[in-house]
Amino acid sequence: MDDTRNPSPKRRRDDNTYDDESPPRKRSASHSPSDAFPQYRLAERPARRYSSRDNDSDEDRSYYRDRRRSHSRSRSHSRSRSHSRSPSPSRSRSRRRTRTPSPPPKPTSLNYKPTFILRGHKKGVSAVKFSPDGRWIASCSADCTVKIWDAQTGALEHTLEGHLAGISTIAWSPDSNLLASGSDDKSIRLWNVATGLPHPTPFIGHHNYVYSLAFSPKGNMLVSGSYDEAVFVWDVRAARVMRSLPAHSDPVGGVDFVRDGTLIASCANDGLIRVWDTATGQCLRTLVHEDNAPVTSVRFSPNGKYVLAWTLDSCLRLWNYIDGKGKCVKTYQGHVNKKYSISGAFGTYGEAPWAFVASGSEESDIVLWDVSSKNVLQRLEGHRDAVLSVDTHPSDKIIVSGSLDRTVRIWKEVEVEVEVKVDADADADADADAEQTPPTSEKEREMNGYDPEEMPPNRFAE
């Protein structure tokens, strides 16, 4: 058999292939048939040698040296071009500073003025409430009636009659279609706001006066507090008691649902404020002040982190019930409250906006405090007897109040024009504003009763 074979397409490497004196080896032509694939001629350039750099030819050195120079030249040229295009950081910072408007100053006072005086009740007004949609005002009285008024015009829409004794408390359903009322006749009634007719079945279960009511955020539950020292959670559709909370050892003056409906707050004349789990009925926290003054009313802050309580030592106390065992973080004074059960509400003011607390007083005025600083922003005077109830409009700058003088009064904020001086040197003004008006701290934001990240669109969010 013939041992002769075709030469391998790959070239056999000889010992002297990479001899320094030999010229650079060119790539050999392909041994494939010429009619199989078209032949391409590769660009010829010096091949990289595997020997030491000292043995490189002058031609190769100049080749790679020229490539490095051209590459570095192009990089430096592009870098200089990019530096020339971008402005200096100090100049761009000054531009940003001049364009940013300074934050509005925090007002030190409010300017609410009386708008309407609503007459019609024959005895003292015990409670007033805005509907969640802001269209209506409901008021209840010791004359056994509930009246519904137009919030913008003050016109009387309905007079609801059916209770056999004075009415101490009212509560709106979240959709503003139902109104609940609690009476000294030991019953709770639901009213259709559109027709003015009561629900055919009253809620019967308390053994004494019903002092306080609150709807859950979904509107399927109603919580009530009574003189019989009990707190009941009602199924609204079935008109029956879902759960009875062994709450206090004294008459229960106030109840409220937290914003998501998972917690219930209650207070009583025993000086205790209790926070309950809605689902299990378990008491999660008991808040008590060292003075142990009777607590007549309680309300969750809009963000649900605090509880505001009215006590018969002429104080309002804001409690942080989440941290530790709970602590009183703010105390508001300036009103008189030693005899009657008085209630109030949170509100907003300014462009930020900031939060305030509104409360009635036994000296026939209404007091507005800034939540964080505790400063009195305004006193509203006009009632002739103790103001038992105050509420704020859900969206507009409107306050409603009810008094023992048998009237319901509506107050609206009047804008006050403030002159703004503009200096020529914008940079200096911006620096001065940044130094004198630091951004509001996280702690102060919490004290104002709101949390922008946890809440859906919230009017107390800063």
Protein backbone atom coordinates (compact mmCIF):
# COMPACT_ATOMS: atom_id res chain seq x y z
CA MET A 1 0.00 0.00 0.00
CA ASP A 2 1.32 3.41 -0.93
CA ASP A 3 2.41 5.35 2.20
CA THR A 4 2.54 8.68 0.45
CA ARG A 5 -0.05 11.11 1.75
CA ASN A 6 -1.20 14.52 0.76
CA PRO A 7 0.54 17.22 2.69
CA SER A 8 -1.38 18.52 5.70
CA PRO A 9 -3.25 21.80 5.13
CA LYS A 10 -1.48 23.11 8.22
CA ARG A 11 2.12 24.01 7.86
CA ARG A 12 4.62 22.11 9.95
CA ARG A 13 6.50 24.44 12.34
CA ASP A 14 10.21 24.41 11.86
CA ASP A 15 12.77 25.31 14.43
CA ASN A 16 13.89 28.37 12.56
CA THR A 17 10.39 29.68 11.84
CA TYR A 18 10.70 32.55 14.29
CA ASP A 19 14.25 33.39 13.56
CA ASP A 20 14.90 37.04 14.13
CA GLU A 21 16.44 37.44 10.70
CA SER A 22 13.57 35.82 8.83
CA PRO A 23 10.86 38.11 7.45
CA PRO A 24 7.32 37.99 8.88
CA ARG A 25 5.47 34.88 7.76
CA LYS A 26 2.37 35.44 5.64
CA ARG A 27 -0.79 33.40 5.97
CA SER A 28 -0.82 30.60 3.42
CA ALA A 29 -3.55 30.33 0.88
CA SER A 30 -6.39 27.93 1.52
CA HIS A 31 -6.04 24.39 0.15
CA SER A 32 -9.77 24.03 -0.38
CA PRO A 33 -10.95 23.69 -3.96
CA SER A 34 -11.26 26.95 -5.80
CA ASP A 35 -14.79 26.27 -6.93
CA ALA A 36 -16.09 25.47 -3.39
CA PHE A 37 -15.74 28.87 -1.75
CA PRO A 38 -14.59 32.23 -3.07
CA GLN A 39 -11.12 33.19 -1.97
CA TYR A 40 -10.64 36.36 0.07
CA ARG A 41 -7.30 38.12 0.28
CA LEU A 42 -6.54 39.08 3.89
CA ALA A 43 -4.94 42.39 4.69
CA GLU A 44 -1.30 41.90 5.35
CA ARG A 45 0.14 43.47 8.47
CA PRO A 46 3.11 42.64 10.70
CA ALA A 47 2.39 39.61 12.84
CA ARG A 48 2.95 39.85 16.59
CA ARG A 49 6.14 38.10 17.50
CA TYR A 50 6.55 35.75 20.43
CA SER A 51 10.14 36.71 21.10
CA SER A 52 11.25 39.38 23.56
CA ARG A 53 10.56 43.03 22.82
CA ASP A 54 14.27 43.79 22.53
CA ASN A 55 14.44 41.64 19.44
CA ASP A 56 11.52 43.34 17.69
CA SER A 57 12.24 45.00 14.40
CA ASP A 58 12.29 48.77 14.13
CA GLU A 59 9.31 48.60 11.80
CA ASP A 60 7.16 46.77 14.39
CA ARG A 61 8.14 49.15 17.16
CA SER A 62 7.22 52.19 15.14
CA TYR A 63 3.92 50.56 14.13
CA TYR A 64 2.71 49.89 17.69
CA ARG A 65 4.13 53.19 18.98
CA ASP A 66 2.15 55.13 16.37
CA ARG A 67 -1.03 53.24 17.29
CA ARG A 68 -0.63 54.07 20.97
CA ARG A 69 -0.04 57.73 20.23
CA SER A 70 -3.06 58.05 17.99
CA HIS A 71 -5.23 56.21 20.56
CA SER A 72 -4.11 58.38 23.47
CA ARG A 73 -4.50 61.49 21.33
CA SER A 74 -8.10 60.61 20.48
CA ARG A 75 -8.94 59.83 24.15
CA SER A 76 -7.48 63.09 25.42
CA HIS A 77 -9.25 65.00 22.67
CA SER A 78 -12.63 63.48 23.54
CA ARG A 79 -12.02 64.04 27.25
CA SER A 80 -11.21 67.70 26.71
CA ARG A 81 -14.28 68.06 24.52
CA SER A 82 -16.53 66.54 27.22
CA HIS A 83 -14.99 68.79 29.90
CA SER A 84 -15.52 71.85 27.78
CA ARG A 85 -19.19 70.97 27.24
CA SER A 86 -20.09 70.29 30.89
CA PRO A 87 -20.44 73.43 33.02
CA SER A 88 -18.45 73.80 36.19
CA PRO A 89 -20.09 72.23 39.29
CA SER A 90 -20.12 75.51 41.18
CA ARG A 91 -21.86 77.27 38.31
CA SER A 92 -24.50 74.53 37.91
CA ARG A 93 -25.06 74.46 41.69
CA SER A 94 -25.64 78.19 41.76
CA ARG A 95 -28.12 77.89 38.90
CA ARG A 96 -30.06 75.20 40.72
CA ARG A 97 -30.06 77.26 43.89
CA THR A 98 -31.45 80.35 42.24
CA ARG A 99 -34.24 78.44 40.48
CA THR A 100 -35.47 76.60 43.60
CA PRO A 101 -38.19 78.65 45.32
CA SER A 102 -37.86 79.10 49.05
CA PRO A 103 -40.41 77.16 51.15
CA PRO A 104 -43.38 79.19 52.36
CA PRO A 105 -43.11 80.38 55.95
CA LYS A 106 -45.22 78.65 58.56
CA PRO A 107 -48.18 80.86 59.56
CA THR A 108 -48.33 81.85 63.20
CA SER A 109 -52.07 82.53 63.23
CA LEU A 110 -55.28 81.65 61.41
CA ASN A 111 -58.11 83.86 60.23
CA TYR A 112 -61.42 81.99 60.50
CA LYS A 113 -64.52 84.18 60.38
CA PRO A 114 -68.17 83.34 61.20
CA THR A 115 -70.21 82.66 58.07
CA PHE A 116 -73.56 81.16 59.12
CA ILE A 117 -75.52 80.78 62.33
CA LEU A 118 -77.90 77.83 62.02
CA ARG A 119 -80.92 77.98 64.33
CA GLY A 120 -83.61 75.36 64.79
CA HIS A 121 -82.74 73.19 67.76
CA LYS A 122 -84.84 73.79 70.85
CA LYS A 123 -82.19 72.62 73.31
CA GLY A 124 -78.41 72.50 73.48
CA VAL A 125 -76.49 70.99 70.56
CA SER A 126 -74.44 68.03 71.74
CA ALA A 127 -72.59 67.03 68.55
CA VAL A 128 -71.91 68.26 65.00
CA LYS A 129 -70.28 66.30 62.15
CA PHE A 130 -69.39 66.94 58.51
CA SER A 131 -70.27 64.15 56.09
CA PRO A 132 -67.22 62.45 54.53
CA ASP A 133 -68.06 63.91 51.12
CA GLY A 134 -68.26 67.39 52.64
CA ARG A 135 -71.80 68.14 51.41
CA TRP A 136 -73.72 67.96 54.69
CA ILE A 137 -73.53 68.89 58.34
CA ALA A 138 -75.39 66.78 60.88
CA SER A 139 -76.24 68.09 64.34
CA CYS A 140 -77.95 66.39 67.25
CA SER A 141 -79.52 67.85 70.35
CA ALA A 142 -81.13 67.19 73.69
CA ASP A 143 -84.44 68.01 71.95
CA CYS A 144 -84.45 64.38 70.58
CA THR A 145 -83.86 65.44 66.96
CA VAL A 146 -81.10 65.25 64.36
CA LYS A 147 -80.86 67.97 61.72
CA ILE A 148 -79.04 67.80 58.40
CA TRP A 149 -77.81 71.08 56.90
CA ASP A 150 -76.21 72.04 53.61
CA ALA A 151 -72.53 72.66 54.36
CA GLN A 152 -72.15 75.47 51.81
CA THR A 153 -75.41 77.38 52.16
CA GLY A 154 -76.52 76.45 55.68
CA ALA A 155 -79.99 75.46 54.43
CA LEU A 156 -81.89 72.89 56.51
CA GLU A 157 -82.34 69.67 54.52
CA HIS A 158 -83.92 67.20 56.97
CA THR A 159 -85.09 66.96 60.58
CA LEU A 160 -84.87 63.38 61.79
CA GLU A 161 -87.27 62.42 64.55
CA GLY A 162 -87.74 59.06 66.23
CA HIS A 163 -85.71 58.92 69.43
CA LEU A 164 -87.53 59.10 72.73
CA ALA A 165 -84.80 60.96 74.64
CA GLY A 166 -81.96 63.35 74.07
CA ILE A 167 -79.30 62.46 71.47
CA SER A 168 -75.66 62.62 72.55
CA THR A 169 -73.75 61.37 69.52
CA ILE A 170 -73.89 60.95 65.75
CA ALA A 171 -71.65 59.27 63.15
CA TRP A 172 -71.58 59.27 59.33
CA SER A 173 -71.05 56.17 57.22
CA PRO A 174 -68.01 56.39 54.90
CA ASP A 175 -70.21 56.80 51.80
CA SER A 176 -72.23 59.62 53.43
CA ASN A 177 -75.50 57.78 52.76
CA LEU A 178 -76.25 56.70 56.33
CA LEU A 179 -76.21 58.54 59.62
CA ALA A 180 -76.14 56.79 63.00
CA SER A 181 -77.43 58.42 66.19
CA GLY A 182 -77.10 57.33 69.81
CA SER A 183 -79.62 58.42 72.40
CA ASP A 184 -80.37 58.45 76.09
CA ASP A 185 -83.23 56.06 75.28
CA LYS A 186 -80.47 53.36 75.12
CA SER A 187 -80.95 52.78 71.38
CA ILE A 188 -78.98 53.45 68.20
CA ARG A 189 -80.76 54.33 64.97
CA LEU A 190 -79.63 54.44 61.35
CA TRP A 191 -81.06 57.09 59.04
CA ASN A 192 -81.23 57.27 55.27
CA VAL A 193 -79.85 60.70 54.46
CA ALA A 194 -81.56 60.98 51.08
CA THR A 195 -85.07 60.24 52.39
CA GLY A 196 -84.71 61.24 56.03
CA LEU A 197 -86.31 57.95 57.12
CA PRO A 198 -84.94 55.68 59.87
CA HIS A 199 -83.87 52.09 59.44
CA PRO A 200 -86.82 49.92 60.48
CA THR A 201 -84.79 48.04 63.10
CA PRO A 202 -83.10 50.07 65.86
CA PHE A 203 -79.93 48.73 67.45
CA ILE A 204 -80.91 47.54 70.92
CA GLY A 205 -78.39 46.15 73.39
CA HIS A 206 -77.01 48.81 75.70
CA HIS A 207 -78.46 49.07 79.19
CA ASN A 208 -77.90 52.79 79.60
CA TYR A 209 -77.27 56.02 77.69
CA VAL A 210 -75.33 55.77 74.43
CA TYR A 211 -72.55 58.35 74.55
CA SER A 212 -70.36 57.73 71.50
CA LEU A 213 -70.47 56.17 68.00
CA ALA A 214 -68.03 55.55 65.16
CA PHE A 215 -68.27 53.74 61.79
CA SER A 216 -65.50 51.48 60.53
CA PRO A 217 -63.75 52.68 57.35
CA LYS A 218 -65.57 50.06 55.27
CA GLY A 219 -68.93 50.94 56.82
CA ASN A 220 -69.78 47.36 57.76
CA MET A 221 -69.22 47.82 61.50
CA LEU A 222 -70.31 50.34 64.09
CA VAL A 223 -68.71 50.76 67.51
CA SER A 224 -70.61 52.30 70.42
CA GLY A 225 -69.72 53.38 73.94
CA SER A 226 -72.28 53.68 76.71
CA TYR A 227 -72.88 54.78 80.28
CA ASP A 228 -73.23 51.05 81.05
CA GLU A 229 -69.38 50.82 80.83
CA ALA A 230 -69.51 48.58 77.74
CA VAL A 231 -68.17 48.93 74.21
CA PHE A 232 -70.19 47.10 71.54
CA VAL A 233 -69.12 46.30 67.98
CA TRP A 234 -72.19 46.01 65.74
CA ASP A 235 -72.82 44.33 62.40
CA VAL A 236 -74.48 47.14 60.47
CA ARG A 237 -76.39 44.94 58.02
CA ALA A 238 -77.69 42.50 60.61
CA ALA A 239 -78.26 45.18 63.28
CA ARG A 240 -76.84 42.89 65.96
CA VAL A 241 -73.88 42.89 68.34
CA MET A 242 -70.81 41.15 66.91
CA ARG A 243 -68.59 41.60 69.97
CA SER A 244 -68.83 43.09 73.44
CA LEU A 245 -65.63 44.52 74.90
CA PRO A 246 -65.33 44.52 78.72
CA ALA A 247 -63.80 47.92 78.37
CA HIS A 248 -63.93 50.03 81.52
CA SER A 249 -65.12 50.31 85.10
CA ASP A 250 -66.79 53.70 84.48
CA PRO A 251 -69.08 55.16 81.81
CA VAL A 252 -67.47 55.10 78.35
CA GLY A 253 -67.26 58.62 76.97
CA GLY A 254 -65.64 58.12 73.56
CA VAL A 255 -64.84 55.51 70.90
CA ASP A 256 -63.13 55.65 67.51
CA PHE A 257 -61.85 53.43 64.70
CA VAL A 258 -58.33 53.74 63.34
CA ARG A 259 -58.03 54.63 59.66
CA ASP A 260 -57.74 50.99 58.44
CA GLY A 261 -60.36 49.63 60.86
CA THR A 262 -58.03 47.19 62.64
CA LEU A 263 -58.03 49.03 65.97
CA ILE A 264 -60.61 50.61 68.26
CA ALA A 265 -59.88 53.23 70.88
CA SER A 266 -62.12 53.80 73.90
CA CYS A 267 -61.96 56.09 76.92
CA ALA A 268 -63.90 56.46 80.15
CA ASN A 269 -64.29 58.37 83.37
CA ASP A 270 -61.86 55.94 85.03
CA GLY A 271 -59.07 57.90 83.31
CA LEU A 272 -58.05 55.01 81.04
CA ILE A 273 -57.65 54.97 77.28
CA ARG A 274 -57.67 51.48 75.80
CA VAL A 275 -56.70 50.31 72.32
CA TRP A 276 -58.41 47.13 71.11
CA ASP A 277 -57.86 44.66 68.31
CA THR A 278 -61.02 44.76 66.21
CA ALA A 279 -60.76 41.17 65.02
CA THR A 280 -60.07 39.44 68.34
CA GLY A 281 -61.40 41.92 70.90
CA GLN A 282 -58.08 41.80 72.77
CA CYS A 283 -56.88 44.89 74.64
CA LEU A 284 -53.52 45.79 73.11
CA ARG A 285 -52.65 48.91 75.08
CA THR A 286 -53.84 50.83 78.12
CA LEU A 287 -52.87 54.50 78.37
CA VAL A 288 -53.18 56.37 81.63
CA HIS A 289 -51.83 59.73 82.71
CA GLU A 290 -50.39 60.26 86.17
CA ASP A 291 -53.16 62.79 86.96
CA ASN A 292 -55.77 60.13 86.10
CA ALA A 293 -58.33 62.74 85.02
CA PRO A 294 -61.61 61.45 83.52
CA VAL A 295 -61.34 61.09 79.72
CA THR A 296 -64.46 62.24 77.91
CA SER A 297 -63.55 61.89 74.24
CA VAL A 298 -60.91 60.18 72.11
CA ARG A 299 -59.85 60.39 68.47
CA PHE A 300 -57.19 58.73 66.31
CA SER A 301 -54.87 60.98 64.32
CA PRO A 302 -55.35 60.76 60.54
CA ASN A 303 -52.20 58.64 60.11
CA GLY A 304 -53.28 56.28 62.90
CA LYS A 305 -50.09 56.67 64.93
CA TYR A 306 -51.51 58.82 67.74
CA VAL A 307 -54.58 59.14 69.90
CA LEU A 308 -55.93 62.54 70.95
CA ALA A 309 -57.84 62.56 74.24
CA TRP A 310 -59.97 65.21 75.97
CA THR A 311 -59.84 65.17 79.78
CA LEU A 312 -61.70 67.02 82.53
CA ASP A 313 -58.55 68.80 83.73
CA SER A 314 -58.77 71.29 80.82
CA CYS A 315 -56.16 69.45 78.77
CA LEU A 316 -55.89 67.72 75.43
CA ARG A 317 -53.24 65.03 75.28
CA LEU A 318 -51.69 63.45 72.20
CA TRP A 319 -50.58 59.89 72.91
CA ASN A 320 -48.10 57.75 71.03
CA TYR A 321 -49.61 54.35 71.71
CA ILE A 322 -47.25 52.39 69.40
CA ASP A 323 -43.83 52.80 71.05
CA GLY A 324 -43.25 50.96 74.29
CA LYS A 325 -46.16 51.09 76.67
CA GLY A 326 -47.40 54.35 75.17
CA LYS A 327 -46.50 57.87 76.20
CA CYS A 328 -48.02 61.33 76.12
CA VAL A 329 -46.03 63.37 73.59
CA LYS A 330 -48.04 66.62 73.53
CA THR A 331 -50.34 68.44 75.94
CA TYR A 332 -52.53 71.30 74.70
CA GLN A 333 -53.88 73.88 77.14
CA GLY A 334 -55.74 77.14 76.85
CA HIS A 335 -59.38 76.09 77.00
CA VAL A 336 -61.66 75.25 79.93
CA ASN A 337 -63.09 71.75 80.28
CA LYS A 338 -64.03 70.62 83.78
CA LYS A 339 -67.69 69.69 83.53
CA TYR A 340 -68.96 68.69 80.07
CA SER A 341 -67.96 66.08 77.53
CA ILE A 342 -66.24 68.09 74.77
CA SER A 343 -64.95 66.81 71.44
CA GLY A 344 -62.95 68.24 68.55
CA ALA A 345 -61.03 67.37 65.41
CA PHE A 346 -57.80 67.63 63.41
CA GLY A 347 -57.47 70.16 60.60
CA THR A 348 -54.90 71.60 58.18
CA TYR A 349 -53.65 75.10 57.38
CA GLY A 350 -51.04 76.79 55.23
CA GLU A 351 -49.54 75.70 51.93
CA ALA A 352 -47.44 72.82 53.30
CA PRO A 353 -49.98 71.99 54.85
CA TRP A 354 -49.47 71.95 58.60
CA ALA A 355 -51.85 70.38 61.10
CA PHE A 356 -53.90 71.90 63.89
CA VAL A 357 -56.24 70.66 66.59
CA ALA A 358 -59.63 72.29 67.15
CA SER A 359 -61.62 72.01 70.35
CA GLY A 360 -64.56 73.61 72.06
CA SER A 361 -64.43 75.17 75.49
CA GLU A 362 -66.75 75.81 78.39
CA GLU A 363 -65.92 79.52 78.05
CA SER A 364 -67.99 79.62 74.81
CA ASP A 365 -65.03 79.85 72.43
CA ILE A 366 -63.18 77.51 70.05
CA VAL A 367 -59.41 77.08 70.36
CA LEU A 368 -57.09 76.08 67.51
CA TRP A 369 -53.59 74.78 68.35
CA ASP A 370 -50.67 73.96 66.09
CA VAL A 371 -50.04 70.24 66.51
CA SER A 372 -46.24 70.37 66.70
CA SER A 373 -45.58 73.64 68.53
CA LYS A 374 -48.73 73.60 70.72
CA ASN A 375 -49.14 77.35 70.09
CA VAL A 376 -52.67 78.76 70.01
CA LEU A 377 -53.30 79.82 66.41
CA GLN A 378 -56.73 81.39 66.92
CA ARG A 379 -59.69 81.67 69.25
CA LEU A 380 -63.11 81.76 67.61
CA GLU A 381 -65.59 83.76 69.63
CA GLY A 382 -69.31 84.05 69.00
CA HIS A 383 -71.17 81.37 70.94
CA ARG A 384 -72.94 82.39 74.14
CA ASP A 385 -72.51 79.13 76.04
CA ALA A 386 -70.20 76.13 76.26
CA VAL A 387 -69.11 74.70 72.90
CA LEU A 388 -69.46 70.93 73.15
CA SER A 389 -68.51 69.82 69.64
CA VAL A 390 -66.25 70.99 66.81
CA ASP A 391 -65.52 69.39 63.44
CA THR A 392 -63.46 70.30 60.38
CA HIS A 393 -64.40 69.98 56.71
CA PRO A 394 -62.71 67.05 54.92
CA SER A 395 -61.33 69.25 52.12
CA ASP A 396 -62.23 72.94 52.54
CA LYS A 397 -61.09 75.41 55.18
CA ILE A 398 -64.39 75.26 57.09
CA ILE A 399 -65.13 74.60 60.77
CA VAL A 400 -68.51 73.80 62.31
CA SER A 401 -69.36 74.08 66.00
CA GLY A 402 -72.31 73.21 68.21
CA SER A 403 -73.08 74.81 71.55
CA LEU A 404 -75.39 74.76 74.53
CA ASP A 405 -76.72 78.08 73.20
CA ARG A 406 -78.80 75.91 70.74
CA THR A 407 -76.99 77.16 67.63
CA VAL A 408 -74.74 75.60 65.04
CA ARG A 409 -72.12 77.97 63.61
CA ILE A 410 -70.07 77.69 60.43
CA TRP A 411 -66.67 79.35 60.22
CA LYS A 412 -64.61 79.86 57.06
CA GLU A 413 -61.00 80.89 56.69
CA VAL A 414 -60.42 84.27 55.04
CA GLU A 415 -57.24 84.65 53.01
CA VAL A 416 -54.82 87.30 54.23
CA GLU A 417 -52.50 88.78 51.61
CA VAL A 418 -48.84 88.72 52.55
CA GLU A 419 -46.32 90.99 50.85
CA VAL A 420 -43.25 89.18 49.54
CA LYS A 421 -40.02 91.16 49.06
CA VAL A 422 -37.68 90.04 46.29
CA ASP A 423 -34.02 91.08 46.41
CA ALA A 424 -31.80 91.45 43.39
CA ASP A 425 -29.17 89.02 44.60
CA ALA A 426 -30.90 85.68 44.13
CA ASP A 427 -27.93 83.58 45.20
CA ALA A 428 -27.59 85.34 48.54
CA ASP A 429 -31.33 85.00 49.19
CA ALA A 430 -31.27 81.31 48.42
CA ASP A 431 -28.32 80.73 50.77
CA ALA A 432 -29.97 82.73 53.55
CA ASP A 433 -33.26 80.84 53.16
CA ALA A 434 -31.44 77.52 53.25
CA GLU A 435 -29.69 78.48 56.49
CA GLN A 436 -32.64 80.10 58.28
CA THR A 437 -35.39 77.69 57.20
CA PRO A 438 -34.12 74.12 57.49
CA PRO A 439 -36.37 71.39 56.14
CA THR A 440 -38.95 69.99 58.53
CA SER A 441 -37.51 67.07 60.46
CA GLU A 442 -39.03 63.60 60.38
CA LYS A 443 -39.94 63.88 64.06
CA GLU A 444 -41.84 67.12 63.54
CA ARG A 445 -43.66 65.56 60.60
CA GLU A 446 -44.78 62.73 62.85
CA MET A 447 -45.86 65.18 65.52
CA ASN A 448 -48.03 66.89 62.92
CA GLY A 449 -50.05 63.72 62.63
CA TYR A 450 -49.33 62.48 59.12
CA ASP A 451 -47.08 60.07 57.15
CA PRO A 452 -46.78 60.63 53.37
CA GLU A 453 -45.29 57.25 52.66
CA GLU A 454 -47.78 55.10 54.58
CA MET A 455 -50.93 57.02 53.70
CA PRO A 456 -52.90 57.11 50.51
CA PRO A 457 -53.40 60.72 49.38
CA ASN A 458 -53.66 62.43 52.81
CA ARG A 459 -54.50 65.96 53.55
CA PHE A 460 -52.10 65.93 56.56
CA ALA A 461 -49.17 64.89 54.54
CA GLU A 462 -46.56 67.36 54.29
